[in-house]
Amino acid sequence: MTTTLILGGARSGKSAYAEKLAAGSGKPVVVIATATVGDAEMAARIARHRQDRPAHWQTVEEPIAVAAAIRDAAAADCVVLVDCLTLWLANTLFSTAHDVPDEGVPAPSALFVHERAALLDVLAHAAGDVILVSNEVGLGVIPMGAGTRLFVDEAGRLNQAVAAVCGQVRFVAAGLPLVLKG
């Protein structure tokens, strides 16, 4: 079993690189897509990602229960590609049942805390190869608003925790992968 985290900024080429790794394995690929259609722009992004993937790849759309989806899909003879952890973070962190104040120090939602623990556990024990895509959002300025800072902080913590359990970590910039681990 190999676990690989692919980090990068917006339009860095991280998803294309992850797809290239998955295709290069020669194994069947299961894509776990975490995006949800919230508006026309996001619908177009999702359509582009669907179009870019080979038609014979299986796609599981799961915005919340990513750990369970990995557990269900992972097998020694296939590759599971999760795209992306950052959207999953937003889905779980800002669930409709959890209001985030504009000021103060907000706490992560109980849903996120539960799903994050489940994700880290399944990555430590998953059968087969797992490739995870995530945005590196901590390279810029400190954002305004408590909710945005919560997102950036939790994204950084999530990326660190996932990187710690993954055997390989790559950072993609301008379409070029840089080896960080493994």
N, C-alpha and C. Protein backbone atom coordinates (compact mmCIF):
# COMPACT_ATOMS: atom_id res chain seq x y z
N MET A 1 0.85 -1.18 0.00
CA MET A 1 0.00 0.00 0.00
C MET A 1 0.89 1.24 0.00
N THR A 2 0.51 2.19 -0.85
CA THR A 2 1.21 3.47 -0.90
C THR A 2 0.19 4.58 -0.70
N THR A 3 0.49 5.50 0.19
CA THR A 3 -0.36 6.69 0.35
C THR A 3 0.46 7.89 -0.08
N THR A 4 -0.15 8.72 -0.93
CA THR A 4 0.53 9.87 -1.48
C THR A 4 -0.35 11.10 -1.33
N LEU A 5 0.21 12.16 -0.77
CA LEU A 5 -0.47 13.45 -0.67
C LEU A 5 0.12 14.37 -1.71
N ILE A 6 -0.75 14.97 -2.53
CA ILE A 6 -0.35 15.92 -3.54
C ILE A 6 -0.86 17.30 -3.12
N LEU A 7 0.05 18.21 -2.81
CA LEU A 7 -0.29 19.57 -2.40
C LEU A 7 0.02 20.54 -3.52
N GLY A 8 -0.69 21.66 -3.55
CA GLY A 8 -0.40 22.71 -4.51
C GLY A 8 -1.42 23.82 -4.38
N GLY A 9 -1.13 24.91 -5.01
CA GLY A 9 -2.05 26.04 -5.00
C GLY A 9 -3.11 25.88 -6.09
N ALA A 10 -3.96 26.88 -6.20
CA ALA A 10 -4.99 26.88 -7.23
C ALA A 10 -4.33 26.88 -8.61
N ARG A 11 -4.82 26.01 -9.48
CA ARG A 11 -4.33 25.89 -10.84
C ARG A 11 -2.84 25.56 -10.93
N SER A 12 -2.34 24.84 -9.93
CA SER A 12 -0.93 24.46 -9.91
C SER A 12 -0.64 23.23 -10.76
N GLY A 13 -1.69 22.47 -11.09
CA GLY A 13 -1.52 21.21 -11.81
C GLY A 13 -1.55 20.00 -10.90
N LYS A 14 -1.97 20.20 -9.65
CA LYS A 14 -1.96 19.10 -8.68
C LYS A 14 -2.92 17.98 -9.06
N SER A 15 -4.12 18.30 -9.52
CA SER A 15 -5.08 17.26 -9.91
C SER A 15 -4.58 16.50 -11.13
N ALA A 16 -4.05 17.22 -12.11
CA ALA A 16 -3.52 16.56 -13.31
C ALA A 16 -2.36 15.63 -12.95
N TYR A 17 -1.50 16.07 -12.05
CA TYR A 17 -0.39 15.23 -11.61
C TYR A 17 -0.91 13.99 -10.88
N ALA A 18 -1.88 14.16 -10.00
CA ALA A 18 -2.45 13.03 -9.28
C ALA A 18 -3.08 12.04 -10.25
N GLU A 19 -3.79 12.54 -11.25
CA GLU A 19 -4.40 11.67 -12.25
C GLU A 19 -3.34 10.93 -13.06
N LYS A 20 -2.23 11.60 -13.35
CA LYS A 20 -1.13 10.96 -14.08
C LYS A 20 -0.53 9.82 -13.24
N LEU A 21 -0.35 10.06 -11.95
CA LEU A 21 0.15 8.99 -11.06
C LEU A 21 -0.82 7.81 -11.04
N ALA A 22 -2.11 8.09 -10.91
CA ALA A 22 -3.11 7.03 -10.86
C ALA A 22 -3.11 6.23 -12.16
N ALA A 23 -3.11 6.93 -13.28
CA ALA A 23 -3.12 6.26 -14.59
C ALA A 23 -1.86 5.43 -14.80
N GLY A 24 -0.73 5.95 -14.33
CA GLY A 24 0.55 5.27 -14.50
C GLY A 24 0.68 4.00 -13.67
N SER A 25 -0.21 3.81 -12.71
CA SER A 25 -0.15 2.61 -11.88
C SER A 25 -0.54 1.35 -12.65
N GLY A 26 -1.33 1.52 -13.71
CA GLY A 26 -1.83 0.38 -14.45
C GLY A 26 -2.96 -0.35 -13.76
N LYS A 27 -3.40 0.16 -12.63
CA LYS A 27 -4.46 -0.47 -11.85
C LYS A 27 -5.79 0.25 -12.11
N PRO A 28 -6.91 -0.41 -11.83
CA PRO A 28 -8.19 0.29 -11.89
C PRO A 28 -8.18 1.46 -10.90
N VAL A 29 -8.86 2.54 -11.27
CA VAL A 29 -8.87 3.75 -10.46
C VAL A 29 -10.29 4.07 -10.02
N VAL A 30 -10.42 4.37 -8.73
CA VAL A 30 -11.67 4.87 -8.17
C VAL A 30 -11.41 6.29 -7.70
N VAL A 31 -12.14 7.25 -8.25
CA VAL A 31 -12.01 8.65 -7.88
C VAL A 31 -13.10 8.96 -6.85
N ILE A 32 -12.68 9.51 -5.73
CA ILE A 32 -13.63 10.02 -4.74
C ILE A 32 -13.63 11.53 -4.89
N ALA A 33 -14.72 12.05 -5.45
CA ALA A 33 -14.85 13.48 -5.72
C ALA A 33 -15.63 14.12 -4.58
N THR A 34 -15.09 15.19 -4.01
CA THR A 34 -15.70 15.80 -2.83
C THR A 34 -16.47 17.08 -3.14
N ALA A 35 -16.38 17.56 -4.36
CA ALA A 35 -17.03 18.82 -4.72
C ALA A 35 -18.54 18.68 -4.77
N THR A 36 -19.21 19.78 -4.46
CA THR A 36 -20.67 19.85 -4.62
C THR A 36 -20.98 21.03 -5.52
N VAL A 37 -22.07 20.92 -6.26
CA VAL A 37 -22.47 21.99 -7.17
C VAL A 37 -23.24 23.04 -6.36
N GLY A 38 -22.59 24.18 -6.14
CA GLY A 38 -23.25 25.26 -5.42
C GLY A 38 -23.68 26.39 -6.32
N ASP A 39 -23.02 26.49 -7.48
CA ASP A 39 -23.33 27.55 -8.44
C ASP A 39 -22.83 27.13 -9.82
N ALA A 40 -23.07 27.97 -10.82
CA ALA A 40 -22.71 27.63 -12.20
C ALA A 40 -21.20 27.48 -12.38
N GLU A 41 -20.44 28.31 -11.69
CA GLU A 41 -18.98 28.23 -11.81
C GLU A 41 -18.46 26.90 -11.29
N MET A 42 -19.00 26.46 -10.15
CA MET A 42 -18.56 25.18 -9.59
C MET A 42 -19.04 24.03 -10.45
N ALA A 43 -20.21 24.14 -11.02
CA ALA A 43 -20.71 23.11 -11.94
C ALA A 43 -19.77 22.96 -13.13
N ALA A 44 -19.27 24.08 -13.64
CA ALA A 44 -18.33 24.04 -14.77
C ALA A 44 -17.02 23.38 -14.36
N ARG A 45 -16.54 23.67 -13.15
CA ARG A 45 -15.29 23.05 -12.67
C ARG A 45 -15.46 21.52 -12.56
N ILE A 46 -16.58 21.11 -12.00
CA ILE A 46 -16.85 19.69 -11.84
C ILE A 46 -16.93 19.01 -13.21
N ALA A 47 -17.61 19.65 -14.15
CA ALA A 47 -17.73 19.10 -15.51
C ALA A 47 -16.36 18.96 -16.17
N ARG A 48 -15.49 19.95 -15.96
CA ARG A 48 -14.14 19.89 -16.54
C ARG A 48 -13.37 18.72 -15.96
N HIS A 49 -13.45 18.54 -14.64
CA HIS A 49 -12.74 17.42 -14.00
C HIS A 49 -13.27 16.08 -14.52
N ARG A 50 -14.59 15.96 -14.65
CA ARG A 50 -15.18 14.72 -15.17
C ARG A 50 -14.67 14.44 -16.58
N GLN A 51 -14.64 15.50 -17.40
CA GLN A 51 -14.20 15.36 -18.79
C GLN A 51 -12.73 14.97 -18.89
N ASP A 52 -11.92 15.47 -17.98
CA ASP A 52 -10.48 15.19 -18.01
C ASP A 52 -10.14 13.76 -17.59
N ARG A 53 -11.00 13.13 -16.80
CA ARG A 53 -10.72 11.78 -16.32
C ARG A 53 -11.09 10.73 -17.37
N PRO A 54 -10.32 9.65 -17.43
CA PRO A 54 -10.68 8.56 -18.34
C PRO A 54 -12.08 8.02 -18.03
N ALA A 55 -12.83 7.69 -19.06
CA ALA A 55 -14.22 7.25 -18.90
C ALA A 55 -14.32 5.94 -18.12
N HIS A 56 -13.29 5.11 -18.17
CA HIS A 56 -13.36 3.81 -17.49
C HIS A 56 -13.04 3.90 -15.99
N TRP A 57 -12.66 5.06 -15.51
CA TRP A 57 -12.44 5.22 -14.07
C TRP A 57 -13.80 5.33 -13.38
N GLN A 58 -13.90 4.69 -12.25
CA GLN A 58 -15.12 4.77 -11.45
C GLN A 58 -15.06 6.05 -10.62
N THR A 59 -16.17 6.76 -10.54
CA THR A 59 -16.24 7.97 -9.72
C THR A 59 -17.29 7.80 -8.64
N VAL A 60 -16.89 8.12 -7.40
CA VAL A 60 -17.79 8.12 -6.26
C VAL A 60 -17.85 9.57 -5.78
N GLU A 61 -19.04 10.16 -5.81
CA GLU A 61 -19.18 11.53 -5.34
C GLU A 61 -19.56 11.49 -3.86
N GLU A 62 -18.64 11.96 -3.01
CA GLU A 62 -18.85 11.91 -1.56
C GLU A 62 -18.29 13.18 -0.91
N PRO A 63 -19.15 14.11 -0.57
CA PRO A 63 -18.68 15.38 -0.01
C PRO A 63 -18.36 15.34 1.48
N ILE A 64 -18.80 14.33 2.21
CA ILE A 64 -18.63 14.31 3.67
C ILE A 64 -17.88 13.06 4.15
N ALA A 65 -18.41 11.89 3.90
CA ALA A 65 -17.89 10.63 4.46
C ALA A 65 -16.76 10.06 3.62
N VAL A 66 -15.68 10.82 3.49
CA VAL A 66 -14.55 10.42 2.65
C VAL A 66 -13.84 9.19 3.22
N ALA A 67 -13.70 9.12 4.54
CA ALA A 67 -13.04 7.96 5.14
C ALA A 67 -13.80 6.68 4.81
N ALA A 68 -15.11 6.70 4.94
CA ALA A 68 -15.92 5.53 4.62
C ALA A 68 -15.81 5.19 3.14
N ALA A 69 -15.78 6.20 2.28
CA ALA A 69 -15.65 5.95 0.85
C ALA A 69 -14.30 5.31 0.51
N ILE A 70 -13.24 5.78 1.16
CA ILE A 70 -11.92 5.17 0.96
C ILE A 70 -11.95 3.72 1.43
N ARG A 71 -12.49 3.50 2.61
CA ARG A 71 -12.58 2.15 3.18
C ARG A 71 -13.33 1.22 2.22
N ASP A 72 -14.41 1.70 1.64
CA ASP A 72 -15.22 0.88 0.73
C ASP A 72 -14.52 0.62 -0.60
N ALA A 73 -13.73 1.58 -1.07
CA ALA A 73 -13.13 1.47 -2.40
C ALA A 73 -11.73 0.86 -2.40
N ALA A 74 -11.00 1.00 -1.32
CA ALA A 74 -9.60 0.58 -1.29
C ALA A 74 -9.48 -0.93 -1.38
N ALA A 75 -8.60 -1.36 -2.25
CA ALA A 75 -8.28 -2.77 -2.43
C ALA A 75 -6.86 -2.87 -2.96
N ALA A 76 -6.23 -3.99 -2.73
CA ALA A 76 -4.83 -4.16 -3.12
C ALA A 76 -4.60 -3.98 -4.62
N ASP A 77 -5.63 -4.22 -5.41
CA ASP A 77 -5.46 -4.18 -6.86
C ASP A 77 -6.00 -2.91 -7.50
N CYS A 78 -6.19 -1.84 -6.72
CA CYS A 78 -6.69 -0.60 -7.33
C CYS A 78 -6.05 0.62 -6.67
N VAL A 79 -6.31 1.77 -7.27
CA VAL A 79 -5.85 3.06 -6.76
C VAL A 79 -7.09 3.88 -6.44
N VAL A 80 -7.11 4.48 -5.26
CA VAL A 80 -8.17 5.40 -4.87
C VAL A 80 -7.58 6.81 -4.94
N LEU A 81 -8.24 7.68 -5.68
CA LEU A 81 -7.81 9.06 -5.84
C LEU A 81 -8.87 9.97 -5.22
N VAL A 82 -8.50 10.71 -4.17
CA VAL A 82 -9.41 11.63 -3.50
C VAL A 82 -9.09 13.04 -3.97
N ASP A 83 -10.08 13.69 -4.59
CA ASP A 83 -9.89 15.05 -5.10
C ASP A 83 -11.11 15.88 -4.74
N CYS A 84 -11.06 16.77 -3.78
CA CYS A 84 -9.88 17.14 -3.03
C CYS A 84 -10.22 17.30 -1.55
N LEU A 85 -9.19 17.22 -0.72
CA LEU A 85 -9.37 17.35 0.72
C LEU A 85 -9.81 18.75 1.13
N THR A 86 -9.43 19.76 0.37
CA THR A 86 -9.78 21.13 0.74
C THR A 86 -11.28 21.37 0.61
N LEU A 87 -11.88 20.88 -0.45
CA LEU A 87 -13.33 20.99 -0.58
C LEU A 87 -14.03 20.17 0.49
N TRP A 88 -13.50 18.98 0.78
CA TRP A 88 -14.05 18.16 1.84
C TRP A 88 -13.98 18.89 3.18
N LEU A 89 -12.86 19.57 3.42
CA LEU A 89 -12.71 20.36 4.64
C LEU A 89 -13.81 21.40 4.74
N ALA A 90 -14.05 22.14 3.68
CA ALA A 90 -15.11 23.15 3.69
C ALA A 90 -16.48 22.51 3.91
N ASN A 91 -16.72 21.37 3.29
CA ASN A 91 -18.00 20.67 3.45
C ASN A 91 -18.25 20.26 4.89
N THR A 92 -17.22 19.80 5.57
CA THR A 92 -17.39 19.31 6.94
C THR A 92 -17.24 20.42 7.97
N LEU A 93 -16.35 21.35 7.72
CA LEU A 93 -16.08 22.42 8.68
C LEU A 93 -17.25 23.40 8.77
N PHE A 94 -17.86 23.68 7.62
CA PHE A 94 -18.94 24.66 7.56
C PHE A 94 -20.27 23.99 7.25
N SER A 95 -20.52 22.88 7.90
CA SER A 95 -21.79 22.20 7.70
C SER A 95 -22.93 23.11 8.15
N THR A 96 -24.10 22.89 7.62
CA THR A 96 -25.24 23.76 7.93
C THR A 96 -25.60 23.74 9.41
N ALA A 97 -25.21 22.70 10.12
CA ALA A 97 -25.54 22.61 11.54
C ALA A 97 -24.55 23.35 12.43
N HIS A 98 -23.53 23.95 11.82
CA HIS A 98 -22.46 24.58 12.60
C HIS A 98 -22.26 26.02 12.12
N ASP A 99 -22.67 26.97 12.91
CA ASP A 99 -22.47 28.38 12.57
C ASP A 99 -21.10 28.83 13.05
N VAL A 100 -20.40 29.58 12.21
CA VAL A 100 -19.09 30.13 12.56
C VAL A 100 -19.24 31.63 12.73
N PRO A 101 -18.89 32.16 13.90
CA PRO A 101 -19.02 33.60 14.12
C PRO A 101 -18.02 34.39 13.29
N ASP A 102 -18.32 35.65 13.05
CA ASP A 102 -17.42 36.51 12.29
C ASP A 102 -16.22 36.95 13.11
N GLU A 103 -16.36 36.92 14.43
CA GLU A 103 -15.28 37.35 15.31
C GLU A 103 -15.04 36.29 16.37
N GLY A 104 -13.89 36.40 17.04
CA GLY A 104 -13.56 35.45 18.10
C GLY A 104 -12.77 34.28 17.55
N VAL A 105 -12.70 33.24 18.34
CA VAL A 105 -11.96 32.04 17.97
C VAL A 105 -12.96 30.90 17.83
N PRO A 106 -13.43 30.64 16.61
CA PRO A 106 -14.42 29.57 16.42
C PRO A 106 -13.77 28.20 16.54
N ALA A 107 -14.57 27.25 16.94
CA ALA A 107 -14.11 25.86 17.03
C ALA A 107 -14.58 25.10 15.79
N PRO A 108 -13.80 24.10 15.39
CA PRO A 108 -14.25 23.27 14.27
C PRO A 108 -15.55 22.55 14.62
N SER A 109 -16.33 22.23 13.61
CA SER A 109 -17.57 21.51 13.82
C SER A 109 -17.29 20.10 14.33
N ALA A 110 -18.22 19.55 15.06
CA ALA A 110 -18.10 18.17 15.55
C ALA A 110 -18.02 17.20 14.37
N LEU A 111 -18.74 17.51 13.30
CA LEU A 111 -18.69 16.67 12.10
C LEU A 111 -17.27 16.61 11.56
N PHE A 112 -16.61 17.76 11.43
CA PHE A 112 -15.24 17.78 10.93
C PHE A 112 -14.31 17.00 11.85
N VAL A 113 -14.40 17.22 13.15
CA VAL A 113 -13.52 16.54 14.11
C VAL A 113 -13.67 15.01 13.96
N HIS A 114 -14.91 14.55 13.86
CA HIS A 114 -15.17 13.11 13.70
C HIS A 114 -14.62 12.59 12.37
N GLU A 115 -14.94 13.27 11.28
CA GLU A 115 -14.53 12.80 9.95
C GLU A 115 -13.01 12.88 9.77
N ARG A 116 -12.37 13.88 10.35
CA ARG A 116 -10.91 14.00 10.27
C ARG A 116 -10.26 12.81 10.96
N ALA A 117 -10.71 12.45 12.15
CA ALA A 117 -10.16 11.30 12.86
C ALA A 117 -10.37 10.02 12.05
N ALA A 118 -11.54 9.88 11.47
CA ALA A 118 -11.82 8.69 10.65
C ALA A 118 -10.91 8.64 9.42
N LEU A 119 -10.67 9.79 8.80
CA LEU A 119 -9.79 9.84 7.63
C LEU A 119 -8.37 9.42 8.00
N LEU A 120 -7.83 9.98 9.06
CA LEU A 120 -6.47 9.64 9.46
C LEU A 120 -6.35 8.16 9.80
N ASP A 121 -7.37 7.60 10.42
CA ASP A 121 -7.37 6.18 10.76
C ASP A 121 -7.40 5.32 9.51
N VAL A 122 -8.27 5.64 8.56
CA VAL A 122 -8.37 4.80 7.37
C VAL A 122 -7.10 4.90 6.52
N LEU A 123 -6.46 6.06 6.50
CA LEU A 123 -5.21 6.19 5.73
C LEU A 123 -4.10 5.33 6.33
N ALA A 124 -4.10 5.19 7.63
CA ALA A 124 -3.08 4.38 8.29
C ALA A 124 -3.28 2.89 8.03
N HIS A 125 -4.49 2.49 7.61
CA HIS A 125 -4.80 1.06 7.46
C HIS A 125 -5.37 0.68 6.09
N ALA A 126 -5.41 1.59 5.15
CA ALA A 126 -6.06 1.33 3.86
C ALA A 126 -5.33 0.26 3.06
N ALA A 127 -6.13 -0.59 2.44
CA ALA A 127 -5.57 -1.55 1.50
C ALA A 127 -5.41 -0.86 0.16
N GLY A 128 -4.38 -1.19 -0.57
CA GLY A 128 -4.18 -0.59 -1.89
C GLY A 128 -3.56 0.79 -1.81
N ASP A 129 -3.49 1.43 -2.96
CA ASP A 129 -2.86 2.74 -3.07
C ASP A 129 -3.91 3.85 -2.94
N VAL A 130 -3.56 4.89 -2.22
CA VAL A 130 -4.44 6.04 -2.05
C VAL A 130 -3.66 7.29 -2.40
N ILE A 131 -4.24 8.12 -3.26
CA ILE A 131 -3.65 9.41 -3.64
C ILE A 131 -4.65 10.47 -3.22
N LEU A 132 -4.17 11.46 -2.48
CA LEU A 132 -5.04 12.54 -1.99
C LEU A 132 -4.54 13.87 -2.53
N VAL A 133 -5.46 14.71 -2.97
CA VAL A 133 -5.14 16.03 -3.48
C VAL A 133 -5.64 17.06 -2.48
N SER A 134 -4.80 18.07 -2.19
CA SER A 134 -5.20 19.12 -1.27
C SER A 134 -4.53 20.43 -1.65
N ASN A 135 -5.22 21.51 -1.38
CA ASN A 135 -4.65 22.84 -1.63
C ASN A 135 -3.75 23.26 -0.49
N GLU A 136 -2.65 23.88 -0.82
CA GLU A 136 -1.81 24.53 0.17
C GLU A 136 -2.26 25.98 0.19
N VAL A 137 -2.94 26.37 1.26
CA VAL A 137 -3.50 27.72 1.34
C VAL A 137 -2.76 28.62 2.31
N GLY A 138 -1.75 28.10 2.97
CA GLY A 138 -1.06 28.87 4.00
C GLY A 138 0.14 29.65 3.53
N LEU A 139 0.29 29.88 2.25
CA LEU A 139 1.46 30.59 1.75
C LEU A 139 1.22 32.08 1.56
N GLY A 140 0.00 32.53 1.83
CA GLY A 140 -0.34 33.93 1.58
C GLY A 140 -0.52 34.71 2.86
N VAL A 141 -1.25 35.78 2.75
CA VAL A 141 -1.50 36.65 3.88
C VAL A 141 -2.50 36.01 4.84
N ILE A 142 -2.53 36.50 6.06
CA ILE A 142 -3.52 36.03 7.04
C ILE A 142 -4.86 36.64 6.65
N PRO A 143 -5.87 35.80 6.40
CA PRO A 143 -7.15 36.32 5.93
C PRO A 143 -7.95 37.01 7.02
N MET A 144 -8.84 37.89 6.58
CA MET A 144 -9.74 38.57 7.50
C MET A 144 -10.93 37.66 7.79
N GLY A 145 -11.49 37.81 8.96
CA GLY A 145 -12.68 37.06 9.33
C GLY A 145 -12.32 35.78 10.05
N ALA A 146 -12.98 35.54 11.16
CA ALA A 146 -12.70 34.37 11.98
C ALA A 146 -12.97 33.07 11.23
N GLY A 147 -14.03 33.03 10.44
CA GLY A 147 -14.35 31.82 9.70
C GLY A 147 -13.29 31.48 8.66
N THR A 148 -12.79 32.48 7.97
CA THR A 148 -11.75 32.25 6.97
C THR A 148 -10.45 31.83 7.63
N ARG A 149 -10.12 32.46 8.75
CA ARG A 149 -8.91 32.05 9.48
C ARG A 149 -9.06 30.62 10.00
N LEU A 150 -10.25 30.24 10.46
CA LEU A 150 -10.49 28.87 10.90
C LEU A 150 -10.21 27.90 9.76
N PHE A 151 -10.73 28.22 8.57
CA PHE A 151 -10.52 27.36 7.40
C PHE A 151 -9.03 27.22 7.09
N VAL A 152 -8.31 28.33 7.03
CA VAL A 152 -6.87 28.29 6.71
C VAL A 152 -6.11 27.51 7.77
N ASP A 153 -6.41 27.75 9.04
CA ASP A 153 -5.74 27.04 10.12
C ASP A 153 -6.00 25.54 10.05
N GLU A 154 -7.26 25.17 9.86
CA GLU A 154 -7.60 23.75 9.82
C GLU A 154 -7.06 23.08 8.56
N ALA A 155 -7.00 23.80 7.44
CA ALA A 155 -6.40 23.24 6.23
C ALA A 155 -4.93 22.94 6.47
N GLY A 156 -4.23 23.85 7.11
CA GLY A 156 -2.82 23.62 7.43
C GLY A 156 -2.63 22.44 8.37
N ARG A 157 -3.45 22.38 9.41
CA ARG A 157 -3.37 21.25 10.35
C ARG A 157 -3.71 19.92 9.67
N LEU A 158 -4.74 19.94 8.81
CA LEU A 158 -5.13 18.73 8.09
C LEU A 158 -4.00 18.27 7.17
N ASN A 159 -3.43 19.19 6.41
CA ASN A 159 -2.34 18.81 5.50
C ASN A 159 -1.15 18.23 6.27
N GLN A 160 -0.82 18.83 7.42
CA GLN A 160 0.28 18.29 8.22
C GLN A 160 -0.03 16.88 8.72
N ALA A 161 -1.24 16.67 9.21
CA ALA A 161 -1.62 15.37 9.75
C ALA A 161 -1.65 14.30 8.66
N VAL A 162 -2.20 14.64 7.49
CA VAL A 162 -2.24 13.68 6.38
C VAL A 162 -0.83 13.40 5.88
N ALA A 163 0.00 14.43 5.78
CA ALA A 163 1.39 14.24 5.34
C ALA A 163 2.15 13.32 6.29
N ALA A 164 1.84 13.42 7.57
CA ALA A 164 2.52 12.58 8.55
C ALA A 164 2.21 11.10 8.37
N VAL A 165 0.99 10.76 7.93
CA VAL A 165 0.64 9.35 7.76
C VAL A 165 0.88 8.83 6.34
N CYS A 166 1.13 9.73 5.40
CA CYS A 166 1.39 9.31 4.02
C CYS A 166 2.87 8.98 3.83
N GLY A 167 3.11 7.98 3.02
CA GLY A 167 4.49 7.60 2.72
C GLY A 167 5.16 8.53 1.74
N GLN A 168 4.34 9.19 0.90
CA GLN A 168 4.88 10.11 -0.10
C GLN A 168 4.10 11.41 -0.06
N VAL A 169 4.81 12.52 -0.21
CA VAL A 169 4.19 13.83 -0.29
C VAL A 169 4.87 14.59 -1.42
N ARG A 170 4.06 15.18 -2.29
CA ARG A 170 4.57 15.98 -3.41
C ARG A 170 3.92 17.36 -3.35
N PHE A 171 4.67 18.37 -3.73
CA PHE A 171 4.15 19.73 -3.86
C PHE A 171 4.25 20.09 -5.33
N VAL A 172 3.13 20.51 -5.92
CA VAL A 172 3.11 20.84 -7.34
C VAL A 172 3.01 22.34 -7.50
N ALA A 173 3.94 22.90 -8.28
CA ALA A 173 3.93 24.32 -8.63
C ALA A 173 4.20 24.42 -10.12
N ALA A 174 3.39 25.19 -10.83
CA ALA A 174 3.53 25.37 -12.27
C ALA A 174 3.56 24.02 -13.01
N GLY A 175 2.79 23.06 -12.50
CA GLY A 175 2.72 21.74 -13.12
C GLY A 175 3.89 20.83 -12.84
N LEU A 176 4.82 21.30 -12.02
CA LEU A 176 6.03 20.52 -11.74
C LEU A 176 5.98 19.98 -10.31
N PRO A 177 6.10 18.66 -10.14
CA PRO A 177 6.08 18.08 -8.80
C PRO A 177 7.43 18.17 -8.11
N LEU A 178 7.38 18.55 -6.85
CA LEU A 178 8.57 18.58 -6.02
C LEU A 178 8.39 17.54 -4.92
N VAL A 179 9.39 16.70 -4.70
CA VAL A 179 9.32 15.67 -3.69
C VAL A 179 9.56 16.29 -2.31
N LEU A 180 8.58 16.14 -1.42
CA LEU A 180 8.74 16.60 -0.04
C LEU A 180 9.01 15.44 0.90
N LYS A 181 8.48 14.25 0.54
CA LYS A 181 8.65 13.06 1.38
C LYS A 181 8.54 11.82 0.52
N GLY A 182 9.39 10.84 0.79
CA GLY A 182 9.29 9.54 0.14
C GLY A 182 10.02 9.41 -1.16
